[in-house]
Amino acid sequence: MKTYLIIGAVVILGLFLALPLFGIESFILFSLIEWTTKFILPWVVLYWLMRAIKTLEKKR
């Protein structure tokens, strides 16, 4: 788990350093993270919750 956090931090830091080289402002990363957590992740959680419920129903 600790290695995943380190790898994630290195990737984000690398993006913050690399994006200005291509003319893209770094604050867009925060917008993308916010948008993903608002709109994408709830659907992913709902999908896996439905699969878990179906699996539990089949076992009964």
C-alpha atoms as a PDB file:
ATOM      1  CA  MET A   1       0.000   0.000   0.000  1.00  0.00           C
ATOM      2  CA  LYS A   2       2.816   2.349   0.854  1.00  0.00           C
ATOM      3  CA  THR A   3       4.482   1.789  -2.511  1.00  0.00           C
ATOM      4  CA  TYR A   4       1.253   2.709  -4.333  1.00  0.00           C
ATOM      5  CA  LEU A   5       1.150   6.038  -2.510  1.00  0.00           C
ATOM      6  CA  ILE A   6       4.768   6.739  -3.389  1.00  0.00           C
ATOM      7  CA  ILE A   7       4.228   5.815  -7.040  1.00  0.00           C
ATOM      8  CA  GLY A   8       1.083   7.967  -7.194  1.00  0.00           C
ATOM      9  CA  ALA A   9       2.884  10.927  -5.644  1.00  0.00           C
ATOM     10  CA  VAL A  10       5.761  10.587  -8.113  1.00  0.00           C
ATOM     11  CA  VAL A  11       3.369  10.420 -11.074  1.00  0.00           C
ATOM     12  CA  ILE A  12       1.456  13.519  -9.941  1.00  0.00           C
ATOM     13  CA  LEU A  13       4.677  15.406  -9.296  1.00  0.00           C
ATOM     14  CA  GLY A  14       5.948  14.383 -12.722  1.00  0.00           C
ATOM     15  CA  LEU A  15       2.753  15.648 -14.341  1.00  0.00           C
ATOM     16  CA  PHE A  16       3.047  18.964 -12.505  1.00  0.00           C
ATOM     17  CA  LEU A  17       6.549  19.347 -13.874  1.00  0.00           C
ATOM     18  CA  ALA A  18       5.854  18.078 -17.397  1.00  0.00           C
ATOM     19  CA  LEU A  19       2.562  19.785 -18.248  1.00  0.00           C
ATOM     20  CA  PRO A  20       3.943  23.360 -18.263  1.00  0.00           C
ATOM     21  CA  LEU A  21       6.556  22.215 -20.794  1.00  0.00           C
ATOM     22  CA  PHE A  22       3.693  21.456 -23.212  1.00  0.00           C
ATOM     23  CA  GLY A  23       1.857  24.710 -22.491  1.00  0.00           C
ATOM     24  CA  ILE A  24      -0.823  23.168 -20.270  1.00  0.00           C
ATOM     25  CA  GLU A  25      -1.516  24.783 -16.922  1.00  0.00           C
ATOM     26  CA  SER A  26      -1.029  22.507 -13.910  1.00  0.00           C
ATOM     27  CA  PHE A  27      -4.262  23.450 -12.150  1.00  0.00           C
ATOM     28  CA  ILE A  28      -6.167  21.409 -14.736  1.00  0.00           C
ATOM     29  CA  LEU A  29      -5.063  18.287 -12.829  1.00  0.00           C
ATOM     30  CA  PHE A  30      -7.103  19.397  -9.832  1.00  0.00           C
ATOM     31  CA  SER A  31     -10.112  19.964 -12.074  1.00  0.00           C
ATOM     32  CA  LEU A  32      -9.755  16.494 -13.574  1.00  0.00           C
ATOM     33  CA  ILE A  33      -9.412  14.863 -10.165  1.00  0.00           C
ATOM     34  CA  GLU A  34     -12.462  16.742  -8.876  1.00  0.00           C
ATOM     35  CA  TRP A  35     -14.533  15.824 -11.940  1.00  0.00           C
ATOM     36  CA  THR A  36     -13.516  12.169 -11.682  1.00  0.00           C
ATOM     37  CA  THR A  37     -14.436  11.902  -8.015  1.00  0.00           C
ATOM     38  CA  LYS A  38     -17.776  13.628  -8.599  1.00  0.00           C
ATOM     39  CA  PHE A  39     -18.980  11.801 -11.687  1.00  0.00           C
ATOM     40  CA  ILE A  40     -16.950   8.673 -12.474  1.00  0.00           C
ATOM     41  CA  LEU A  41     -16.185   7.077  -9.106  1.00  0.00           C
ATOM     42  CA  PRO A  42     -19.806   6.955  -7.848  1.00  0.00           C
ATOM     43  CA  TRP A  43     -20.773   4.936 -10.914  1.00  0.00           C
ATOM     44  CA  VAL A  44     -17.839   2.575 -10.415  1.00  0.00           C
ATOM     45  CA  VAL A  45     -18.795   2.061  -6.762  1.00  0.00           C
ATOM     46  CA  LEU A  46     -22.434   1.487  -7.733  1.00  0.00           C
ATOM     47  CA  TYR A  47     -21.400  -1.092 -10.338  1.00  0.00           C
ATOM     48  CA  TRP A  48     -19.293  -3.087  -7.874  1.00  0.00           C
ATOM     49  CA  LEU A  49     -21.972  -2.824  -5.196  1.00  0.00           C
ATOM     50  CA  MET A  50     -24.531  -4.286  -7.604  1.00  0.00           C
ATOM     51  CA  ARG A  51     -22.157  -7.125  -8.519  1.00  0.00           C
ATOM     52  CA  ALA A  52     -21.585  -7.887  -4.838  1.00  0.00           C
ATOM     53  CA  ILE A  53     -25.326  -7.990  -4.174  1.00  0.00           C
ATOM     54  CA  LYS A  54     -25.910 -10.305  -7.152  1.00  0.00           C
ATOM     55  CA  THR A  55     -23.138 -12.615  -5.920  1.00  0.00           C
ATOM     56  CA  LEU A  56     -24.615 -12.726  -2.440  1.00  0.00           C
ATOM     57  CA  GLU A  57     -28.079 -13.471  -3.848  1.00  0.00           C
ATOM     58  CA  LYS A  58     -26.740 -16.388  -5.902  1.00  0.00           C
ATOM     59  CA  LYS A  59     -25.148 -17.951  -2.825  1.00  0.00           C
ATOM     60  CA  ARG A  60     -28.495 -18.110  -0.994  1.00  0.00           C
END
